[in-house]
C-alpha atoms as a PDB file:
ATOM      1  CA  MET A   1       0.058  -0.288  -0.152  1.00  0.00           C
ATOM      2  CA  ASP A   2       1.276   3.613  -1.064  1.00  0.00           C
ATOM      3  CA  SER A   3       1.792   5.358   2.109  1.00  0.00           C
ATOM      4  CA  SER A   4       3.889   8.362   0.614  1.00  0.00           C
ATOM      5  CA  ILE A   5       3.205  11.778   1.460  1.00  0.00           C
ATOM      6  CA  HIS A   6       3.299  14.526  -0.723  1.00  0.00           C
ATOM      7  CA  LEU A   7       2.885  18.155   0.335  1.00  0.00           C
ATOM      8  CA  ASP A   8       2.016  19.727  -3.113  1.00  0.00           C
ATOM      9  CA  ASN A   9       2.945  23.592  -2.459  1.00  0.00           C
ATOM     10  CA  ILE A  10       1.076  23.957   0.597  1.00  0.00           C
ATOM     11  CA  VAL A  11       0.880  27.651   2.275  1.00  0.00           C
ATOM     12  CA  MET A  12      -0.552  27.920   6.080  1.00  0.00           C
ATOM     13  CA  GLN A  13      -1.572  31.386   7.233  1.00  0.00           C
ATOM     14  CA  PHE A  14      -2.822  32.484  10.460  1.00  0.00           C
ATOM     15  CA  GLY A  15      -4.382  35.900   9.837  1.00  0.00           C
ATOM     16  CA  GLU A  16      -1.627  38.088   8.466  1.00  0.00           C
ATOM     17  CA  PHE A  17       1.217  35.545   9.753  1.00  0.00           C
ATOM     18  CA  THR A  18       2.467  32.982   7.491  1.00  0.00           C
ATOM     19  CA  ALA A  19       2.991  29.801   9.575  1.00  0.00           C
ATOM     20  CA  VAL A  20       4.377  27.868   6.646  1.00  0.00           C
ATOM     21  CA  GLN A  21       5.931  29.152   3.466  1.00  0.00           C
ATOM     22  CA  GLN A  22       5.056  27.633   0.009  1.00  0.00           C
ATOM     23  CA  LEU A  23       6.541  24.400   0.767  1.00  0.00           C
ATOM     24  CA  ASP A  24       6.722  21.267  -2.104  1.00  0.00           C
ATOM     25  CA  LEU A  25       7.817  17.789  -0.789  1.00  0.00           C
ATOM     26  CA  LYS A  26       7.609  14.189  -1.032  1.00  0.00           C
ATOM     27  CA  ILE A  27       7.894  11.867   1.623  1.00  0.00           C
ATOM     28  CA  GLU A  28       8.638   8.306   0.338  1.00  0.00           C
ATOM     29  CA  SER A  29       6.496   5.139   1.327  1.00  0.00           C
ATOM     30  CA  GLY A  30       8.084   3.516   4.818  1.00  0.00           C
ATOM     31  CA  GLU A  31      10.362   6.324   4.784  1.00  0.00           C
ATOM     32  CA  PHE A  32      11.481   7.790   8.779  1.00  0.00           C
ATOM     33  CA  PHE A  33      11.537  11.427   8.257  1.00  0.00           C
ATOM     34  CA  SER A  34      11.878  14.188  10.189  1.00  0.00           C
ATOM     35  CA  PHE A  35      11.347  17.732  10.446  1.00  0.00           C
ATOM     36  CA  LEU A  36      13.747  19.525  12.567  1.00  0.00           C
ATOM     37  CA  GLY A  37      13.917  23.139  13.256  1.00  0.00           C
ATOM     38  CA  PRO A  38      13.662  25.461  16.596  1.00  0.00           C
ATOM     39  CA  SER A  39       9.992  26.301  18.190  1.00  0.00           C
ATOM     40  CA  GLY A  40       7.860  28.004  15.853  1.00  0.00           C
ATOM     41  CA  CYS A  41       9.411  27.348  12.687  1.00  0.00           C
ATOM     42  CA  GLY A  42       5.973  25.481  11.478  1.00  0.00           C
ATOM     43  CA  LYS A  43       6.908  21.842  12.043  1.00  0.00           C
ATOM     44  CA  THR A  44       4.255  21.089  14.338  1.00  0.00           C
ATOM     45  CA  THR A  45       1.653  23.037  12.020  1.00  0.00           C
ATOM     46  CA  ILE A  46       3.019  20.574   8.944  1.00  0.00           C
ATOM     47  CA  LEU A  47       2.082  17.868  11.311  1.00  0.00           C
ATOM     48  CA  ASN A  48      -1.520  19.091  11.811  1.00  0.00           C
ATOM     49  CA  MET A  49      -1.854  19.755   7.883  1.00  0.00           C
ATOM     50  CA  ILE A  50      -1.300  16.243   7.329  1.00  0.00           C
ATOM     51  CA  SER A  51      -3.271  14.913  10.043  1.00  0.00           C
ATOM     52  CA  GLY A  52      -6.109  16.837   8.868  1.00  0.00           C
ATOM     53  CA  PHE A  53      -6.543  19.083  11.660  1.00  0.00           C
ATOM     54  CA  LEU A  54      -5.694  22.121   9.880  1.00  0.00           C
ATOM     55  CA  GLN A  55      -6.450  22.736   6.095  1.00  0.00           C
ATOM     56  CA  PRO A  56      -3.921  24.382   4.156  1.00  0.00           C
ATOM     57  CA  THR A  57      -4.673  28.267   2.929  1.00  0.00           C
ATOM     58  CA  GLN A  58      -3.080  27.126  -0.498  1.00  0.00           C
ATOM     59  CA  GLY A  59      -1.811  23.587  -1.837  1.00  0.00           C
ATOM     60  CA  ASN A  60      -3.006  19.898  -1.429  1.00  0.00           C
ATOM     61  CA  VAL A  61      -1.517  17.322   0.805  1.00  0.00           C
ATOM     62  CA  TYR A  62      -1.483  14.013  -1.054  1.00  0.00           C
ATOM     63  CA  ILE A  63      -1.398  10.305   1.236  1.00  0.00           C
ATOM     64  CA  GLY A  64      -0.597   7.950  -1.704  1.00  0.00           C
ATOM     65  CA  ASP A  65      -2.033   9.116  -4.956  1.00  0.00           C
ATOM     66  CA  ARG A  66      -5.278  10.438  -2.854  1.00  0.00           C
ATOM     67  CA  ASN A  67      -5.727  14.162  -2.324  1.00  0.00           C
ATOM     68  CA  MET A  68      -6.711  14.849   1.211  1.00  0.00           C
ATOM     69  CA  GLN A  69      -8.144  17.761   0.344  1.00  0.00           C
ATOM     70  CA  GLY A  70     -11.745  17.976   2.578  1.00  0.00           C
ATOM     71  CA  VAL A  71     -10.997  14.477   4.393  1.00  0.00           C
ATOM     72  CA  PRO A  72     -11.674  14.848   8.106  1.00  0.00           C
ATOM     73  CA  ALA A  73      -8.810  13.776  10.476  1.00  0.00           C
ATOM     74  CA  ASN A  74     -10.710  10.846  11.617  1.00  0.00           C
ATOM     75  CA  LYS A  75     -11.338   9.651   8.212  1.00  0.00           C
ATOM     76  CA  ARG A  76      -7.200   9.703   7.087  1.00  0.00           C
ATOM     77  CA  PRO A  77      -4.973   6.796   7.103  1.00  0.00           C
ATOM     78  CA  THR A  78      -2.935   8.655   9.901  1.00  0.00           C
ATOM     79  CA  SER A  79      -2.443   8.425  13.460  1.00  0.00           C
ATOM     80  CA  MET A  80      -0.649  10.672  15.792  1.00  0.00           C
ATOM     81  CA  ILE A  81       1.340  10.496  19.120  1.00  0.00           C
ATOM     82  CA  PHE A  82       1.242  13.701  21.106  1.00  0.00           C
ATOM     83  CA  GLN A  83       3.953  15.290  23.034  1.00  0.00           C
ATOM     84  CA  ASN A  84       2.349  14.898  26.042  1.00  0.00           C
ATOM     85  CA  LEU A  85       1.087  11.276  25.196  1.00  0.00           C
ATOM     86  CA  ALA A  86      -2.888  11.683  25.774  1.00  0.00           C
ATOM     87  CA  LEU A  87      -3.521   8.190  27.639  1.00  0.00           C
ATOM     88  CA  PHE A  88      -6.551   7.814  29.200  1.00  0.00           C
ATOM     89  CA  PRO A  89      -5.591   7.434  33.234  1.00  0.00           C
ATOM     90  CA  LEU A  90      -8.627   5.677  34.595  1.00  0.00           C
ATOM     91  CA  MET A  91      -8.588   2.837  31.592  1.00  0.00           C
ATOM     92  CA  SER A  92      -6.033   0.353  32.159  1.00  0.00           C
ATOM     93  CA  VAL A  93      -3.406  -0.559  29.491  1.00  0.00           C
ATOM     94  CA  ALA A  94      -5.172  -2.718  27.323  1.00  0.00           C
ATOM     95  CA  GLU A  95      -8.317  -0.378  27.114  1.00  0.00           C
ATOM     96  CA  ASN A  96      -5.847   2.423  26.214  1.00  0.00           C
ATOM     97  CA  ILE A  97      -4.561   0.458  23.226  1.00  0.00           C
ATOM     98  CA  GLU A  98      -8.302  -0.518  22.320  1.00  0.00           C
ATOM     99  CA  PHE A  99      -9.868   2.580  22.508  1.00  0.00           C
ATOM    100  CA  GLY A 100      -9.872   3.643  18.541  1.00  0.00           C
ATOM    101  CA  LEU A 101     -10.829  -0.001  17.686  1.00  0.00           C
ATOM    102  CA  GLU A 102     -13.871   0.307  19.982  1.00  0.00           C
ATOM    103  CA  VAL A 103     -14.715   3.490  18.529  1.00  0.00           C
ATOM    104  CA  ARG A 104     -14.877   1.899  14.790  1.00  0.00           C
ATOM    105  CA  GLY A 105     -17.043  -0.960  16.278  1.00  0.00           C
ATOM    106  CA  ILE A 106     -14.591  -3.939  16.514  1.00  0.00           C
ATOM    107  CA  LYS A 107     -15.841  -6.745  18.361  1.00  0.00           C
ATOM    108  CA  LYS A 108     -14.283  -7.024  21.921  1.00  0.00           C
ATOM    109  CA  ALA A 109     -12.542 -10.430  20.923  1.00  0.00           C
ATOM    110  CA  GLU A 110     -10.746  -8.811  18.132  1.00  0.00           C
ATOM    111  CA  ARG A 111      -9.620  -6.057  19.893  1.00  0.00           C
ATOM    112  CA  ARG A 112      -8.207  -7.925  22.707  1.00  0.00           C
ATOM    113  CA  LYS A 113      -6.453  -9.923  20.231  1.00  0.00           C
ATOM    114  CA  THR A 114      -5.024  -6.825  18.933  1.00  0.00           C
ATOM    115  CA  SER A 115      -3.848  -5.515  21.972  1.00  0.00           C
ATOM    116  CA  ASN A 116      -2.206  -8.462  22.988  1.00  0.00           C
ATOM    117  CA  ARG A 117      -0.345  -8.676  19.442  1.00  0.00           C
ATOM    118  CA  LEU A 118       0.954  -4.785  20.011  1.00  0.00           C
ATOM    119  CA  LEU A 119       1.767  -5.304  23.625  1.00  0.00           C
ATOM    120  CA  GLU A 120       4.479  -8.345  22.367  1.00  0.00           C
ATOM    121  CA  LEU A 121       5.564  -5.741  19.732  1.00  0.00           C
ATOM    122  CA  VAL A 122       6.316  -2.936  22.200  1.00  0.00           C
ATOM    123  CA  ASP A 123       7.862  -5.595  24.612  1.00  0.00           C
ATOM    124  CA  LEU A 124       5.000  -5.188  27.261  1.00  0.00           C
ATOM    125  CA  ALA A 125       3.637  -8.484  27.394  1.00  0.00           C
ATOM    126  CA  GLY A 126       1.525  -8.756  29.722  1.00  0.00           C
ATOM    127  CA  SER A 127       0.875  -5.579  31.142  1.00  0.00           C
ATOM    128  CA  ASP A 128      -2.661  -5.342  29.802  1.00  0.00           C
ATOM    129  CA  ASN A 129      -4.200  -4.834  33.307  1.00  0.00           C
ATOM    130  CA  LYS A 130      -1.608  -2.719  34.564  1.00  0.00           C
ATOM    131  CA  LYS A 131      -2.900   1.150  35.162  1.00  0.00           C
ATOM    132  CA  ILE A 132      -1.163   4.070  33.509  1.00  0.00           C
ATOM    133  CA  SER A 133      -0.256   5.223  36.529  1.00  0.00           C
ATOM    134  CA  GLU A 134       1.984   2.152  37.290  1.00  0.00           C
ATOM    135  CA  LEU A 135       4.176   2.609  34.054  1.00  0.00           C
ATOM    136  CA  SER A 136       7.631   4.263  33.533  1.00  0.00           C
ATOM    137  CA  GLY A 137       7.710   7.404  31.283  1.00  0.00           C
ATOM    138  CA  GLY A 138       9.082   4.988  28.625  1.00  0.00           C
ATOM    139  CA  GLN A 139       6.703   2.556  29.063  1.00  0.00           C
ATOM    140  CA  LYS A 140       4.085   4.951  28.894  1.00  0.00           C
ATOM    141  CA  GLN A 141       5.504   5.868  25.700  1.00  0.00           C
ATOM    142  CA  ARG A 142       5.424   2.505  24.319  1.00  0.00           C
ATOM    143  CA  ILE A 143       1.691   2.289  25.091  1.00  0.00           C
ATOM    144  CA  ALA A 144       1.225   5.464  23.284  1.00  0.00           C
ATOM    145  CA  ILE A 145       2.825   3.805  20.026  1.00  0.00           C
ATOM    146  CA  ALA A 146       1.017   0.537  20.301  1.00  0.00           C
ATOM    147  CA  ARG A 147      -2.467   2.472  20.570  1.00  0.00           C
ATOM    148  CA  ALA A 148      -1.528   4.692  17.653  1.00  0.00           C
ATOM    149  CA  LEU A 149      -0.732   1.527  15.821  1.00  0.00           C
ATOM    150  CA  ALA A 150      -4.250  -0.658  16.772  1.00  0.00           C
ATOM    151  CA  VAL A 151      -5.949   1.379  13.839  1.00  0.00           C
ATOM    152  CA  GLU A 152      -3.279   0.212  11.523  1.00  0.00           C
ATOM    153  CA  PRO A 153      -2.697   3.615   9.923  1.00  0.00           C
ATOM    154  CA  GLN A 154      -0.524   3.964   6.624  1.00  0.00           C
ATOM    155  CA  VAL A 155       0.881   7.076   8.229  1.00  0.00           C
ATOM    156  CA  LEU A 156       2.396   7.758  12.158  1.00  0.00           C
ATOM    157  CA  LEU A 157       3.112  11.154  13.225  1.00  0.00           C
ATOM    158  CA  LEU A 158       5.048  11.999  16.167  1.00  0.00           C
ATOM    159  CA  ASP A 159       5.130  15.293  17.415  1.00  0.00           C
ATOM    160  CA  GLU A 160       8.064  15.737  19.985  1.00  0.00           C
ATOM    161  CA  PRO A 161       7.224  12.386  21.963  1.00  0.00           C
ATOM    162  CA  LEU A 162      10.678  11.875  23.743  1.00  0.00           C
ATOM    163  CA  SER A 163      10.891  15.681  24.733  1.00  0.00           C
ATOM    164  CA  ALA A 164       9.242  14.776  28.419  1.00  0.00           C
ATOM    165  CA  LEU A 165      11.900  12.074  28.767  1.00  0.00           C
ATOM    166  CA  ASP A 166      15.108  12.039  30.501  1.00  0.00           C
ATOM    167  CA  LEU A 167      18.350  11.501  28.516  1.00  0.00           C
ATOM    168  CA  LYS A 168      19.431   8.350  29.034  1.00  0.00           C
ATOM    169  CA  LEU A 169      15.332   7.202  28.284  1.00  0.00           C
ATOM    170  CA  ARG A 170      15.194   9.702  25.100  1.00  0.00           C
ATOM    171  CA  GLN A 171      18.270   7.814  23.985  1.00  0.00           C
ATOM    172  CA  HIS A 172      16.906   4.384  24.390  1.00  0.00           C
ATOM    173  CA  MET A 173      13.907   5.150  23.025  1.00  0.00           C
ATOM    174  CA  ARG A 174      15.489   6.731  19.735  1.00  0.00           C
ATOM    175  CA  ASN A 175      16.878   3.004  19.027  1.00  0.00           C
ATOM    176  CA  GLU A 176      13.252   1.625  19.813  1.00  0.00           C
ATOM    177  CA  LEU A 177      11.218   3.431  17.541  1.00  0.00           C
ATOM    178  CA  LYS A 178      13.379   3.168  14.741  1.00  0.00           C
ATOM    179  CA  GLU A 179      13.098  -0.505  15.417  1.00  0.00           C
ATOM    180  CA  LEU A 180       9.770  -0.274  15.710  1.00  0.00           C
ATOM    181  CA  GLN A 181       9.807   1.602  12.485  1.00  0.00           C
ATOM    182  CA  ARG A 182      11.987  -1.231  10.491  1.00  0.00           C
ATOM    183  CA  LYS A 183       9.440  -4.085  11.938  1.00  0.00           C
ATOM    184  CA  THR A 184       6.179  -2.576  10.922  1.00  0.00           C
ATOM    185  CA  GLY A 185       7.138  -0.537   7.514  1.00  0.00           C
ATOM    186  CA  ILE A 186       4.850   2.520   8.406  1.00  0.00           C
ATOM    187  CA  THR A 187       5.774   5.633   7.246  1.00  0.00           C
ATOM    188  CA  PHE A 188       7.229   7.709  10.325  1.00  0.00           C
ATOM    189  CA  ILE A 189       7.002  11.402  10.284  1.00  0.00           C
ATOM    190  CA  TYR A 190       8.767  12.661  13.316  1.00  0.00           C
ATOM    191  CA  ILE A 191       8.780  16.433  14.789  1.00  0.00           C
ATOM    192  CA  THR A 192      11.656  17.503  16.883  1.00  0.00           C
ATOM    193  CA  HIS A 193      14.209  20.567  17.880  1.00  0.00           C
ATOM    194  CA  ASP A 194      17.059  17.753  19.035  1.00  0.00           C
ATOM    195  CA  GLN A 195      19.274  17.364  16.094  1.00  0.00           C
ATOM    196  CA  GLY A 196      20.197  14.608  17.705  1.00  0.00           C
ATOM    197  CA  GLU A 197      17.036  12.511  17.524  1.00  0.00           C
ATOM    198  CA  ALA A 198      16.637  13.847  14.236  1.00  0.00           C
ATOM    199  CA  LEU A 199      20.153  12.600  12.879  1.00  0.00           C
ATOM    200  CA  THR A 200      20.262   9.072  14.772  1.00  0.00           C
ATOM    201  CA  MET A 201      16.696   8.205  13.667  1.00  0.00           C
ATOM    202  CA  SER A 202      16.029   9.568  10.174  1.00  0.00           C
ATOM    203  CA  ASP A 203      16.457   8.540   6.780  1.00  0.00           C
ATOM    204  CA  ARG A 204      15.853  11.635   5.765  1.00  0.00           C
ATOM    205  CA  VAL A 205      15.632  15.502   7.823  1.00  0.00           C
ATOM    206  CA  ALA A 206      13.874  18.385   6.940  1.00  0.00           C
ATOM    207  CA  VAL A 207      15.563  21.661   8.190  1.00  0.00           C
ATOM    208  CA  MET A 208      12.793  24.513   8.872  1.00  0.00           C
ATOM    209  CA  SER A 209      13.267  27.810   9.982  1.00  0.00           C
ATOM    210  CA  ALA A 210      10.518  30.519  10.398  1.00  0.00           C
ATOM    211  CA  GLY A 211       8.324  28.594   8.213  1.00  0.00           C
ATOM    212  CA  LYS A 212      11.037  28.041   5.254  1.00  0.00           C
ATOM    213  CA  LEU A 213      12.202  24.635   4.163  1.00  0.00           C
ATOM    214  CA  GLN A 214      15.997  25.128   4.404  1.00  0.00           C
ATOM    215  CA  GLN A 215      17.362  21.689   3.058  1.00  0.00           C
ATOM    216  CA  VAL A 216      16.362  18.186   2.741  1.00  0.00           C
ATOM    217  CA  ALA A 217      18.911  15.231   3.021  1.00  0.00           C
ATOM    218  CA  ASP A 218      20.199  12.215   4.517  1.00  0.00           C
ATOM    219  CA  PRO A 219      21.381  13.306   7.925  1.00  0.00           C
ATOM    220  CA  ILE A 220      25.137  12.418   6.902  1.00  0.00           C
ATOM    221  CA  THR A 221      24.737  14.828   4.009  1.00  0.00           C
ATOM    222  CA  LEU A 222      23.306  17.513   6.083  1.00  0.00           C
ATOM    223  CA  TYR A 223      26.109  17.071   8.268  1.00  0.00           C
ATOM    224  CA  ARG A 224      28.686  17.357   6.015  1.00  0.00           C
ATOM    225  CA  GLN A 225      26.939  19.432   3.241  1.00  0.00           C
ATOM    226  CA  PRO A 226      24.952  22.247   4.616  1.00  0.00           C
ATOM    227  CA  GLN A 227      23.142  24.663   1.883  1.00  0.00           C
ATOM    228  CA  THR A 228      22.688  27.417   4.319  1.00  0.00           C
ATOM    229  CA  ILE A 229      23.965  29.321   6.706  1.00  0.00           C
ATOM    230  CA  PHE A 230      21.179  28.359   9.116  1.00  0.00           C
ATOM    231  CA  THR A 231      21.401  24.617   8.495  1.00  0.00           C
ATOM    232  CA  ALA A 232      25.415  24.912   8.950  1.00  0.00           C
ATOM    233  CA  GLY A 233      24.557  26.887  12.194  1.00  0.00           C
ATOM    234  CA  PHE A 234      21.730  24.457  13.362  1.00  0.00           C
ATOM    235  CA  VAL A 235      22.541  21.274  12.775  1.00  0.00           C
ATOM    236  CA  GLY A 236      25.453  19.817  14.991  1.00  0.00           C
ATOM    237  CA  GLU A 237      28.112  22.619  16.352  1.00  0.00           C
ATOM    238  CA  ASN A 238      30.057  24.545  13.936  1.00  0.00           C
ATOM    239  CA  ASN A 239      32.669  27.745  13.912  1.00  0.00           C
ATOM    240  CA  ALA A 240      31.497  30.474  11.772  1.00  0.00           C
ATOM    241  CA  ILE A 241      34.287  32.851  10.276  1.00  0.00           C
ATOM    242  CA  GLN A 242      32.978  35.408   8.138  1.00  0.00           C
ATOM    243  CA  GLY A 243      34.761  37.075   4.943  1.00  0.00           C
ATOM    244  CA  GLN A 244      34.831  38.258   1.789  1.00  0.00           C
ATOM    245  CA  VAL A 245      36.004  35.804  -1.107  1.00  0.00           C
ATOM    246  CA  THR A 246      38.971  36.445  -2.835  1.00  0.00           C
ATOM    247  CA  ASP A 247      39.455  33.766  -5.307  1.00  0.00           C
ATOM    248  CA  MET A 248      38.030  30.669  -6.272  1.00  0.00           C
ATOM    249  CA  ASN A 249      38.166  27.285  -8.557  1.00  0.00           C
ATOM    250  CA  ALA A 250      36.357  24.098  -8.842  1.00  0.00           C
ATOM    251  CA  GLN A 251      37.291  22.361  -5.596  1.00  0.00           C
ATOM    252  CA  PHE A 252      38.250  25.762  -3.366  1.00  0.00           C
ATOM    253  CA  VAL A 253      37.169  29.050  -2.064  1.00  0.00           C
ATOM    254  CA  THR A 254      39.620  31.546  -0.676  1.00  0.00           C
ATOM    255  CA  LEU A 255      38.243  33.857   2.084  1.00  0.00           C
ATOM    256  CA  ASP A 256      40.070  37.052   3.541  1.00  0.00           C
ATOM    257  CA  CYS A 257      39.038  36.719   6.893  1.00  0.00           C
ATOM    258  CA  ARG A 258      40.299  39.835   8.089  1.00  0.00           C
ATOM    259  CA  GLU A 259      42.408  39.577  11.095  1.00  0.00           C
ATOM    260  CA  LEU A 260      42.718  36.034  10.190  1.00  0.00           C
ATOM    261  CA  GLY A 261      43.860  36.380   7.054  1.00  0.00           C
ATOM    262  CA  LEU A 262      43.002  34.043   3.979  1.00  0.00           C
ATOM    263  CA  LEU A 263      41.340  30.839   4.867  1.00  0.00           C
ATOM    264  CA  GLN A 264      39.780  28.335   2.650  1.00  0.00           C
ATOM    265  CA  GLY A 265      36.813  25.758   2.245  1.00  0.00           C
ATOM    266  CA  ARG A 266      35.074  23.809  -0.213  1.00  0.00           C
ATOM    267  CA  ASN A 267      33.319  25.474  -3.309  1.00  0.00           C
ATOM    268  CA  PRO A 268      29.259  25.306  -3.191  1.00  0.00           C
ATOM    269  CA  GLY A 269      29.577  26.511  -6.400  1.00  0.00           C
ATOM    270  CA  ASN A 270      27.653  29.444  -6.089  1.00  0.00           C
ATOM    271  CA  LEU A 271      29.812  31.845  -5.238  1.00  0.00           C
ATOM    272  CA  ASN A 272      31.624  35.231  -7.150  1.00  0.00           C
ATOM    273  CA  ARG A 273      34.849  37.099  -6.503  1.00  0.00           C
ATOM    274  CA  GLY A 274      33.683  39.648  -3.782  1.00  0.00           C
ATOM    275  CA  ASP A 275      30.737  38.545  -2.343  1.00  0.00           C
ATOM    276  CA  ASN A 276      30.459  38.223   1.606  1.00  0.00           C
ATOM    277  CA  ALA A 277      30.463  34.743   2.834  1.00  0.00           C
ATOM    278  CA  THR A 278      30.973  32.357   5.927  1.00  0.00           C
ATOM    279  CA  LEU A 279      33.392  29.750   6.498  1.00  0.00           C
ATOM    280  CA  PHE A 280      31.957  26.805   8.546  1.00  0.00           C
ATOM    281  CA  ILE A 281      34.427  24.348  10.592  1.00  0.00           C
ATOM    282  CA  ARG A 282      33.032  21.424  12.681  1.00  0.00           C
ATOM    283  CA  PRO A 283      34.885  21.696  16.005  1.00  0.00           C
ATOM    284  CA  GLU A 284      36.480  17.806  15.729  1.00  0.00           C
ATOM    285  CA  HIS A 285      38.399  19.135  12.471  1.00  0.00           C
ATOM    286  CA  ILE A 286      40.544  22.072  14.023  1.00  0.00           C
ATOM    287  CA  SER A 287      44.014  20.603  14.866  1.00  0.00           C
ATOM    288  CA  LEU A 288      45.873  21.893  17.319  1.00  0.00           C
ATOM    289  CA  ASP A 289      49.354  20.595  14.816  1.00  0.00           C
ATOM    290  CA  TYR A 290      49.818  24.355  13.490  1.00  0.00           C
ATOM    291  CA  GLU A 291      52.058  22.791  10.541  1.00  0.00           C
ATOM    292  CA  ARG A 292      49.625  20.324   9.599  1.00  0.00           C
ATOM    293  CA  HIS A 293      47.149  22.147   7.319  1.00  0.00           C
ATOM    294  CA  ALA A 294      47.395  25.384   5.042  1.00  0.00           C
ATOM    295  CA  ASN A 295      44.801  27.418   7.054  1.00  0.00           C
ATOM    296  CA  GLN A 296      46.520  28.579  10.140  1.00  0.00           C
ATOM    297  CA  PHE A 297      46.129  31.160  12.864  1.00  0.00           C
ATOM    298  CA  ARG A 298      46.581  31.965  16.330  1.00  0.00           C
ATOM    299  CA  ALA A 299      43.918  32.016  19.787  1.00  0.00           C
ATOM    300  CA  SER A 300      43.998  32.357  23.501  1.00  0.00           C
ATOM    301  CA  ILE A 301      42.073  29.447  25.304  1.00  0.00           C
ATOM    302  CA  GLU A 302      39.166  30.543  27.534  1.00  0.00           C
ATOM    303  CA  GLU A 303      37.898  27.689  28.638  1.00  0.00           C
ATOM    304  CA  VAL A 304      38.632  24.053  29.027  1.00  0.00           C
ATOM    305  CA  ASN A 305      35.725  21.405  29.387  1.00  0.00           C
ATOM    306  CA  PHE A 306      37.037  17.796  29.925  1.00  0.00           C
ATOM    307  CA  GLU A 307      33.982  15.629  28.791  1.00  0.00           C
ATOM    308  CA  GLY A 308      35.146  12.071  29.075  1.00  0.00           C
ATOM    309  CA  SER A 309      36.837  10.738  25.870  1.00  0.00           C
ATOM    310  CA  TYR A 310      37.479  14.577  24.488  1.00  0.00           C
ATOM    311  CA  LEU A 311      38.234  17.970  25.791  1.00  0.00           C
ATOM    312  CA  THR A 312      36.319  20.822  24.474  1.00  0.00           C
ATOM    313  CA  LEU A 313      38.248  24.165  24.066  1.00  0.00           C
ATOM    314  CA  VAL A 314      36.846  27.386  24.049  1.00  0.00           C
ATOM    315  CA  ALA A 315      39.193  29.633  22.653  1.00  0.00           C
ATOM    316  CA  MET A 316      39.140  33.506  20.980  1.00  0.00           C
ATOM    317  CA  ALA A 317      40.853  34.523  18.031  1.00  0.00           C
ATOM    318  CA  ASN A 318      41.776  38.136  17.567  1.00  0.00           C
ATOM    319  CA  ASP A 319      40.045  38.951  20.639  1.00  0.00           C
ATOM    320  CA  HIS A 320      36.422  38.972  19.077  1.00  0.00           C
ATOM    321  CA  ILE A 321      35.986  35.500  17.225  1.00  0.00           C
ATOM    322  CA  LYS A 322      35.181  32.622  19.291  1.00  0.00           C
ATOM    323  CA  LEU A 323      35.628  28.916  18.538  1.00  0.00           C
ATOM    324  CA  THR A 324      35.209  25.547  19.740  1.00  0.00           C
ATOM    325  CA  VAL A 325      37.989  23.267  19.352  1.00  0.00           C
ATOM    326  CA  GLN A 326      37.591  19.115  20.268  1.00  0.00           C
ATOM    327  CA  ILE A 327      40.169  17.089  21.122  1.00  0.00           C
ATOM    328  CA  SER A 328      41.104  13.566  22.431  1.00  0.00           C
ATOM    329  CA  SER A 329      41.467  13.475  25.871  1.00  0.00           C
ATOM    330  CA  ASP A 330      45.065  12.386  25.573  1.00  0.00           C
ATOM    331  CA  GLN A 331      45.817  15.618  23.442  1.00  0.00           C
ATOM    332  CA  TYR A 332      45.799  17.517  26.786  1.00  0.00           C
ATOM    333  CA  LEU A 333      48.958  19.288  28.051  1.00  0.00           C
ATOM    334  CA  ALA A 334      49.405  20.897  31.590  1.00  0.00           C
ATOM    335  CA  SER A 335      49.964  23.893  29.451  1.00  0.00           C
ATOM    336  CA  MET A 336      46.123  24.122  28.164  1.00  0.00           C
ATOM    337  CA  VAL A 337      44.643  26.929  30.866  1.00  0.00           C
ATOM    338  CA  PRO A 338      42.744  29.725  30.360  1.00  0.00           C
ATOM    339  CA  HIS A 339      44.515  32.807  28.641  1.00  0.00           C
ATOM    340  CA  SER A 340      47.456  30.589  27.145  1.00  0.00           C
ATOM    341  CA  GLU A 341      47.953  30.818  23.584  1.00  0.00           C
ATOM    342  CA  ILE A 342      47.294  28.021  21.109  1.00  0.00           C
ATOM    343  CA  ARG A 343      48.125  27.854  17.466  1.00  0.00           C
ATOM    344  CA  LEU A 344      45.348  25.791  15.138  1.00  0.00           C
ATOM    345  CA  SER A 345      45.004  24.729  11.802  1.00  0.00           C
ATOM    346  CA  PHE A 346      42.420  22.752   9.806  1.00  0.00           C
ATOM    347  CA  ASN A 347      42.131  20.943   6.218  1.00  0.00           C
ATOM    348  CA  SER A 348      40.252  23.067   3.572  1.00  0.00           C
ATOM    349  CA  ALA A 349      38.119  19.967   2.595  1.00  0.00           C
ATOM    350  CA  GLU A 350      36.596  19.708   5.812  1.00  0.00           C
ATOM    351  CA  ALA A 351      35.627  23.585   5.990  1.00  0.00           C
ATOM    352  CA  ILE A 352      32.642  24.689   3.722  1.00  0.00           C
ATOM    353  CA  VAL A 353      32.134  27.956   2.788  1.00  0.00           C
ATOM    354  CA  ILE A 354      28.595  29.393   2.082  1.00  0.00           C
ATOM    355  CA  SER A 355      27.270  32.545   0.450  1.00  0.00           C
ATOM    356  CA  GLY A 356      25.964  35.599   3.208  1.00  0.00           C
ATOM    357  CA  GLY A 357      27.267  36.441   6.492  1.00  0.00           C
ATOM    358  CA  ASN A 358      24.758  38.582   8.374  1.00  0.00           C
ATOM    359  CA  ASP A 359      22.232  35.556   9.760  1.00  0.00           C
ATOM    360  CA  VAL A 360      25.212  33.974  11.507  1.00  0.00           C
END
């Protein structure tokens, strides 16, 4: 069954405010797809348009080859898991899972058979008679998933469902959700502001900012080849150094970064000499070996943060350019103290230059 989603040039306006700018996007059948962005960027609005809780101001939503225009939420082949889970506290676990089936008039024996099967799927077999209050946060999360799957949706919509869990449980549930999606083959559409969730679980990620789609790519491409200043700054930690394009070839761009001199990074292909641009270099790609790479400059250490297997150095270059450097713990030296000078370098192939500089 085709459970692909086509957001066909959709726009969502509330009065004069445009929550989602014109968006044309295809989500493949059976894909784990995430919308990633800060609060207020339009992620949940998109989810509500897919589910039928909102009708687009312009454009259409297709599930499979069917236009959802005018189709109410309860008639769409979707199921949603909300941030607060919305479980019924006075019902047992089994009754929560079976609720949607009961509304549809499914007989009790068939409902119980379905809830038992789903409890096995989410590794909570034998919990059917428990009260919701007796469950841990992770168990409640699984029951919410089982309830959503009970009505056999083509598309499962998840609106920041892990945000209320502690860090360790969130990390565990990421793996659980990805494994569950693999087992069921259902199209998952996941909303999050947590880049770790998006990069860990997703087949592809759409980065949103102020209602506008910034980039859609698989997690590795998104991390290594950001296309906009927003994506480069939002996905993963990045150092941004502004400058002006002085030279370029098919592979690299050279920027005049004023006090830091000439620095070089990969050429995305849309720059011209004289353009203002920003060079992005990841903390893990900056080296303390000054002679190792062509891009070299000096900085002063402000902070040294020990984080187990690695160290994070916060440094200041030329008194106003703050940089984060990540090195392995075995590179630590006693001389790495605040106000001490370090010499840094990076490989041009590890940096990327993106047009613009006022948005960093």
